[in-house]
Amino acid sequence: MFLNNHQELRKTLLVNTKIEEILIFPSKLFPGISFGYSNLSIITFVKSSKTQSNLDNDIRIIQGIKNESDLVKINKNEDISNLQTIFLKQRSVLDSPNSSFILNQKAHLIINLKSKKLGDYAYCVTGIYSGDNKRYLGVLSSSINRKKDYNLIDQVQIDSYSNNLDGNNNIKSYIPIVKGNGANKYKSFYEEWYINWSTEDFNSYKQFKKARFQNSSYYFKKVIALPMVKSSKINAVLMNNRVFDQSIVGIFPKDEKMINFLLGFFNSDTFCKMIHYINPTANNSANYLKQVPILGDENIFNKVGSLVSEILLDYSVLEKNQYEINKIFYDLYGL
């Protein structure tokens, strides 16, 4: 209903059928099946060659189904006020980015506005994958999660200031790499991982078939790091002079003046809801992030940017300023 690689199938259904109803429900309703990254759906439609009539049709979409009795009530046309029902016109779904079903009426309207999207303001890219992290990554402290079988390294092996895109040819063969989801917003306080950046291993990342030495022109720059794997709260942080791995989407504003505004937006409750509506699966991949609409004017950009600047200078104002940032975006988006 929203994945990019099923876009043509959605277009075929939207143009050549009249979609009567879509039911959204958890996979556990089927015995022996249970996965948490997405729901299942039942789509009821009638094949029709009347394209204009099809596109003018309102699709009834029912969510919040928890058990078989809810399905029975729907089938018998009984009271389903305990469920969430929305109506989307087929034409508006067809015209939305990638012809995706956005299963929230307000978010659907916002996404279909002719406003600029994140992709207009910033480059969104994923980082390096070594091909064998247990061989090439290292840790300093035993407190890092999933440290088992990773290389334990000494401080003398680390070059925290390297920005060499040709590899290091000295004893300081490891450099910091940002990976995974941090526990904090705005500033990266979590303990770092390190990747072997020696000339020999560095060259292997370019040759090893399993490795992905991708988007290297964005390494060692000032960037917003957004975790690829979704969670109930998104923690975006400012990253500078670091390499980032494929578990991170690096957001590079085309105008550096936008960096604090976007950092505030990514850490807002509104952004978290919006990206979940655009792609309810487990990943915040770059292609879906680019679709997020950016609302507001220069005054809003400056106001949010100033609040974020205060947080970066003094982390004790985080709670107060985050409340203001959430309110600004709620007033803008209504989410």
Protein backbone atom coordinates (compact mmCIF):
# COMPACT_ATOMS: atom_id res chain seq x y z
CA MET A 1 0.00 0.00 0.00
CA PHE A 2 2.98 2.34 0.29
CA LEU A 3 6.23 0.61 -0.73
CA ASN A 4 7.88 2.23 -3.76
CA ASN A 5 8.34 -1.06 -5.63
CA HIS A 6 4.54 -1.69 -5.67
CA GLN A 7 3.68 1.71 -7.15
CA GLU A 8 2.61 0.32 -10.55
CA LEU A 9 0.31 -2.26 -8.93
CA ARG A 10 -1.39 0.49 -6.91
CA LYS A 11 -1.87 2.60 -10.04
CA THR A 12 -3.43 -0.36 -11.85
CA LEU A 13 -5.91 -0.92 -9.00
CA LEU A 14 -6.73 2.78 -8.64
CA VAL A 15 -7.38 3.32 -12.35
CA ASN A 16 -8.96 0.00 -13.40
CA THR A 17 -11.04 -0.96 -10.36
CA LYS A 18 -13.48 0.57 -7.94
CA ILE A 19 -12.00 -0.10 -4.48
CA GLU A 20 -14.85 -0.58 -2.06
CA GLU A 21 -13.10 -1.29 1.20
CA ILE A 22 -9.71 -1.83 2.81
CA LEU A 23 -9.35 -3.52 6.19
CA ILE A 24 -6.11 -3.06 8.16
CA PHE A 25 -5.35 -5.59 10.89
CA PRO A 26 -2.43 -7.21 12.75
CA SER A 27 -0.91 -10.37 11.32
CA LYS A 28 -1.62 -12.34 14.50
CA LEU A 29 -5.25 -12.74 13.38
CA PHE A 30 -3.86 -15.51 11.17
CA PRO A 31 -2.81 -18.50 13.33
CA GLY A 32 0.93 -19.06 13.40
CA ILE A 33 1.78 -15.64 11.94
CA SER A 34 3.11 -12.68 13.90
CA PHE A 35 5.40 -9.92 12.72
CA GLY A 36 5.67 -6.47 14.24
CA TYR A 37 7.01 -4.33 11.39
CA SER A 38 3.72 -3.92 9.51
CA ASN A 39 0.04 -4.87 9.42
CA LEU A 40 -1.86 -6.91 6.85
CA SER A 41 -4.78 -5.76 4.72
CA ILE A 42 -7.76 -7.09 2.82
CA ILE A 43 -8.67 -5.05 -0.25
CA THR A 44 -12.15 -5.48 -1.75
CA PHE A 45 -12.60 -4.10 -5.26
CA VAL A 46 -14.65 -4.48 -8.45
CA LYS A 47 -12.98 -4.46 -11.85
CA SER A 48 -14.29 -1.54 -13.90
CA SER A 49 -13.37 0.12 -17.21
CA LYS A 50 -15.05 3.40 -16.14
CA THR A 51 -11.85 5.22 -15.22
CA GLN A 52 -13.38 8.57 -14.23
CA SER A 53 -16.00 6.88 -12.08
CA ASN A 54 -13.29 4.80 -10.44
CA LEU A 55 -11.17 7.85 -9.63
CA ASP A 56 -14.17 9.68 -8.14
CA ASN A 57 -14.89 6.74 -5.84
CA ASP A 58 -14.44 7.10 -2.07
CA ILE A 59 -12.60 4.15 -0.51
CA ARG A 60 -13.69 3.12 2.97
CA ILE A 61 -10.60 2.22 5.05
CA ILE A 62 -11.08 0.61 8.46
CA GLN A 63 -8.23 0.39 10.99
CA GLY A 64 -7.91 -0.60 14.64
CA ILE A 65 -9.18 -4.16 14.09
CA LYS A 66 -7.93 -6.30 16.97
CA ASN A 67 -9.76 -9.62 16.78
CA GLU A 68 -12.12 -11.79 14.74
CA SER A 69 -15.21 -10.31 16.36
CA ASP A 70 -14.33 -6.92 14.84
CA LEU A 71 -14.26 -8.55 11.39
CA VAL A 72 -17.62 -10.20 12.06
CA LYS A 73 -19.15 -6.84 13.03
CA ILE A 74 -17.90 -5.27 9.80
CA ASN A 75 -19.27 -8.17 7.74
CA LYS A 76 -22.71 -7.88 9.41
CA ASN A 77 -22.81 -4.06 9.13
CA GLU A 78 -23.00 -3.76 12.91
CA ASP A 79 -21.78 -0.82 15.00
CA ILE A 80 -18.01 -0.34 14.51
CA SER A 81 -17.61 2.99 16.32
CA ASN A 82 -14.75 1.41 18.28
CA LEU A 83 -12.74 1.21 15.03
CA GLN A 84 -11.11 3.99 12.98
CA THR A 85 -12.80 4.64 9.65
CA ILE A 86 -11.56 7.08 7.02
CA PHE A 87 -12.52 7.74 3.39
CA LEU A 88 -10.01 8.53 0.66
CA LYS A 89 -10.88 9.40 -2.92
CA GLN A 90 -9.10 7.15 -5.42
CA ARG A 91 -7.97 10.13 -7.47
CA SER A 92 -6.23 11.73 -4.47
CA VAL A 93 -4.41 8.48 -3.70
CA LEU A 94 -3.32 8.17 -7.34
CA ASP A 95 -1.99 11.77 -7.26
CA SER A 96 -0.12 11.35 -3.97
CA PRO A 97 3.66 10.67 -4.02
CA ASN A 98 4.23 7.14 -5.39
CA SER A 99 0.42 6.70 -5.35
CA SER A 100 0.73 5.61 -1.72
CA PHE A 101 -2.11 5.04 0.72
CA ILE A 102 -1.55 7.45 3.63
CA LEU A 103 -3.80 5.98 6.32
CA ASN A 104 -4.55 9.22 8.12
CA GLN A 105 -6.86 11.75 6.52
CA LYS A 106 -5.05 14.85 7.76
CA ALA A 107 -1.61 13.50 6.86
CA HIS A 108 -2.97 12.49 3.44
CA LEU A 109 -4.11 16.07 2.78
CA ILE A 110 -0.81 17.57 3.97
CA ILE A 111 1.29 15.23 1.83
CA ASN A 112 -0.84 16.08 -1.22
CA LEU A 113 -0.27 19.82 -0.76
CA LYS A 114 1.95 21.44 -3.40
CA SER A 115 4.48 22.25 -0.70
CA LYS A 116 8.19 21.54 -0.85
CA LYS A 117 9.38 18.19 0.43
CA LEU A 118 12.47 17.32 2.45
CA GLY A 119 14.14 16.17 -0.78
CA ASP A 120 13.92 19.77 -2.04
CA TYR A 121 15.81 21.06 0.99
CA ALA A 122 18.35 18.33 1.69
CA TYR A 123 20.23 15.32 0.37
CA CYS A 124 19.32 12.09 2.15
CA VAL A 125 21.90 9.30 1.93
CA THR A 126 22.93 6.13 3.74
CA GLY A 127 26.49 5.33 4.76
CA ILE A 128 29.15 2.66 4.58
CA TYR A 129 28.85 -1.06 5.24
CA SER A 130 32.15 -2.86 5.79
CA GLY A 131 30.82 -6.24 4.65
CA ASP A 132 31.99 -7.85 7.90
CA ASN A 133 31.48 -5.62 10.95
CA LYS A 134 32.92 -8.11 13.43
CA ARG A 135 36.16 -8.05 11.49
CA TYR A 136 36.45 -4.34 10.77
CA LEU A 137 34.67 -2.58 13.65
CA GLY A 138 36.15 -2.06 17.11
CA VAL A 139 35.05 -0.91 20.56
CA LEU A 140 36.85 0.66 23.50
CA SER A 141 34.47 -0.12 26.34
CA SER A 142 32.80 -3.29 27.51
CA SER A 143 29.61 -1.30 28.16
CA ILE A 144 28.64 -1.08 24.48
CA ASN A 145 25.74 -3.33 23.54
CA ARG A 146 26.45 -6.18 21.13
CA LYS A 147 30.18 -5.85 21.79
CA LYS A 148 30.71 -9.62 21.74
CA ASP A 149 33.22 -10.77 19.13
CA TYR A 150 34.12 -7.20 18.11
CA ASN A 151 37.74 -6.02 18.20
CA LEU A 152 38.79 -4.42 21.50
CA ILE A 153 41.08 -1.51 20.68
CA ASP A 154 43.33 0.93 22.56
CA GLN A 155 43.02 4.70 22.59
CA VAL A 156 46.37 5.01 20.79
CA GLN A 157 44.85 3.28 17.75
CA ILE A 158 42.16 5.95 17.32
CA ASP A 159 42.34 9.06 15.16
CA SER A 160 39.30 11.12 16.17
CA TYR A 161 40.11 13.94 13.76
CA SER A 162 40.81 12.06 10.54
CA ASN A 163 39.00 13.18 7.41
CA ASN A 164 41.11 11.16 5.02
CA LEU A 165 39.19 9.57 2.16
CA ASP A 166 42.24 7.51 1.19
CA GLY A 167 42.68 5.65 4.50
CA ASN A 168 45.22 6.11 7.31
CA ASN A 169 48.71 4.70 6.92
CA ASN A 170 49.87 5.09 10.53
CA ILE A 171 49.31 3.44 13.93
CA LYS A 172 46.06 5.40 14.37
CA SER A 173 44.17 3.06 12.09
CA TYR A 174 40.68 3.37 13.65
CA ILE A 175 38.31 6.32 13.24
CA PRO A 176 34.88 6.96 14.87
CA ILE A 177 31.79 5.73 13.06
CA VAL A 178 28.19 6.61 13.94
CA LYS A 179 25.80 3.69 13.85
CA GLY A 180 22.48 2.59 15.30
CA ASN A 181 20.00 4.57 17.36
CA GLY A 182 21.33 6.84 20.10
CA ALA A 183 19.54 7.36 23.39
CA ASN A 184 19.56 11.16 23.14
CA LYS A 185 18.26 13.88 20.86
CA TYR A 186 20.30 16.64 19.22
CA LYS A 187 23.73 15.79 20.68
CA SER A 188 25.39 12.41 20.36
CA PHE A 189 26.31 11.36 23.90
CA TYR A 190 26.32 7.63 23.34
CA GLU A 191 29.61 5.76 23.22
CA GLU A 192 31.09 5.50 19.78
CA TRP A 193 32.06 2.63 17.59
CA TYR A 194 35.22 2.67 15.50
CA ILE A 195 35.97 1.36 12.02
CA ASN A 196 39.36 0.24 10.77
CA TRP A 197 40.48 2.94 8.35
CA SER A 198 43.96 1.59 7.64
CA THR A 199 44.94 1.88 3.99
CA GLU A 200 44.75 -1.89 3.52
CA ASP A 201 41.31 -2.37 5.09
CA PHE A 202 40.02 0.88 3.61
CA ASN A 203 40.76 -0.42 0.11
CA SER A 204 39.01 -3.69 0.90
CA TYR A 205 35.72 -1.82 1.47
CA LYS A 206 35.89 -0.77 -2.18
CA GLN A 207 36.65 -4.29 -3.45
CA PHE A 208 34.81 -6.64 -1.06
CA LYS A 209 31.58 -7.73 -2.80
CA LYS A 210 29.56 -7.61 0.41
CA ALA A 211 30.82 -4.15 1.35
CA ARG A 212 29.11 -0.93 0.29
CA PHE A 213 31.41 2.07 0.09
CA GLN A 214 28.54 4.36 -0.77
CA ASN A 215 28.06 8.13 -0.71
CA SER A 216 31.67 8.69 0.38
CA SER A 217 31.56 12.35 -0.72
CA TYR A 218 29.33 12.96 2.31
CA TYR A 219 31.72 11.48 4.89
CA PHE A 220 33.42 13.81 7.39
CA LYS A 221 30.91 16.62 6.93
CA LYS A 222 28.42 18.38 9.17
CA VAL A 223 25.21 16.38 8.95
CA ILE A 224 22.08 15.32 10.78
CA ALA A 225 22.17 11.62 11.64
CA LEU A 226 18.77 9.91 11.60
CA PRO A 227 18.49 6.23 12.59
CA MET A 228 17.33 3.93 9.80
CA VAL A 229 15.45 1.60 12.17
CA LYS A 230 12.19 3.03 13.48
CA SER A 231 11.29 3.36 17.14
CA SER A 232 8.41 5.01 18.99
CA LYS A 233 10.55 8.15 19.33
CA ILE A 234 13.07 9.35 16.76
CA ASN A 235 16.35 10.69 18.10
CA ALA A 236 18.16 12.75 15.49
CA VAL A 237 21.60 14.13 16.34
CA LEU A 238 24.09 16.56 14.88
CA MET A 239 27.16 14.79 13.55
CA ASN A 240 30.41 16.47 12.50
CA ASN A 241 33.59 15.04 10.97
CA ARG A 242 32.35 11.46 11.24
CA VAL A 243 31.78 8.47 9.01
CA PHE A 244 28.30 6.94 9.34
CA ASP A 245 27.20 3.43 8.51
CA GLN A 246 24.16 2.06 6.65
CA SER A 247 22.03 2.06 9.82
CA ILE A 248 22.06 5.87 9.59
CA VAL A 249 20.44 8.19 7.05
CA GLY A 250 22.59 11.30 6.75
CA ILE A 251 20.58 14.46 6.08
CA PHE A 252 22.66 17.17 4.36
CA PRO A 253 20.79 20.49 3.98
CA LYS A 254 21.49 22.23 0.69
CA ASP A 255 21.55 25.48 2.69
CA GLU A 256 23.46 25.09 5.96
CA LYS A 257 21.20 27.73 7.54
CA MET A 258 18.45 25.08 7.55
CA ILE A 259 20.39 22.53 9.60
CA ASN A 260 19.09 23.55 13.05
CA PHE A 261 15.51 23.90 11.81
CA LEU A 262 15.57 20.43 10.29
CA LEU A 263 17.24 18.98 13.39
CA GLY A 264 14.36 20.38 15.47
CA PHE A 265 11.76 19.04 13.03
CA PHE A 266 13.25 15.53 13.03
CA ASN A 267 13.11 15.42 16.84
CA SER A 268 9.49 16.59 16.96
CA ASP A 269 6.45 14.41 17.66
CA THR A 270 4.94 15.62 14.38
CA PHE A 271 7.80 14.33 12.24
CA CYS A 272 7.67 10.94 14.00
CA LYS A 273 3.95 10.62 13.15
CA MET A 274 4.43 11.84 9.61
CA ILE A 275 7.16 9.37 8.68
CA HIS A 276 5.12 6.53 10.22
CA TYR A 277 2.16 7.47 7.99
CA ILE A 278 4.35 7.66 4.87
CA ASN A 279 6.03 4.31 5.56
CA PRO A 280 4.65 2.24 8.48
CA THR A 281 7.34 -0.46 8.13
CA ALA A 282 10.44 -0.82 10.31
CA ASN A 283 12.76 1.46 8.33
CA ASN A 284 13.21 5.21 7.83
CA SER A 285 14.83 4.77 4.44
CA ALA A 286 16.11 7.80 2.51
CA ASN A 287 13.54 7.57 -0.31
CA TYR A 288 10.62 7.85 2.12
CA LEU A 289 12.23 10.63 4.17
CA LYS A 290 12.51 12.72 1.00
CA GLN A 291 8.69 12.66 0.71
CA VAL A 292 8.05 14.42 4.05
CA PRO A 293 6.48 17.84 3.41
CA ILE A 294 8.23 20.87 4.92
CA LEU A 295 5.78 23.56 6.03
CA GLY A 296 6.53 26.99 7.43
CA ASP A 297 8.23 30.20 6.40
CA GLU A 298 11.49 31.93 7.21
CA ASN A 299 10.16 33.14 10.57
CA ILE A 300 9.34 29.56 11.58
CA PHE A 301 12.70 28.31 10.29
CA ASN A 302 14.49 30.96 12.39
CA LYS A 303 12.39 30.42 15.51
CA VAL A 304 12.91 26.64 15.56
CA GLY A 305 16.57 27.13 14.65
CA SER A 306 17.08 29.44 17.64
CA LEU A 307 15.45 26.95 20.04
CA VAL A 308 17.72 24.19 18.71
CA SER A 309 20.80 26.42 19.04
CA GLU A 310 19.97 26.92 22.72
CA ILE A 311 19.71 23.15 23.21
CA LEU A 312 23.07 22.55 21.55
CA LEU A 313 24.69 25.20 23.79
CA ASP A 314 22.95 24.17 27.02
CA TYR A 315 21.37 20.71 27.15
CA SER A 316 19.53 21.58 30.39
CA VAL A 317 16.94 23.54 28.35
CA LEU A 318 16.05 20.44 26.30
CA GLU A 319 12.69 19.68 27.93
CA LYS A 320 11.46 23.29 27.85
CA ASN A 321 12.59 23.96 24.30
CA GLN A 322 11.38 20.59 23.01
CA TYR A 323 7.90 21.40 24.32
CA GLU A 324 7.93 24.67 22.33
CA ILE A 325 9.25 22.92 19.21
CA ASN A 326 6.53 20.25 19.41
CA LYS A 327 3.88 22.96 19.76
CA ILE A 328 5.17 24.90 16.74
CA PHE A 329 4.98 21.82 14.50
CA TYR A 330 1.62 20.69 15.90
CA ASP A 331 0.18 24.12 15.05
CA LEU A 332 1.65 23.84 11.54
CA TYR A 333 0.66 20.26 10.71
CA GLY A 334 -2.13 19.44 13.15
CA LEU A 335 -0.42 16.13 13.97
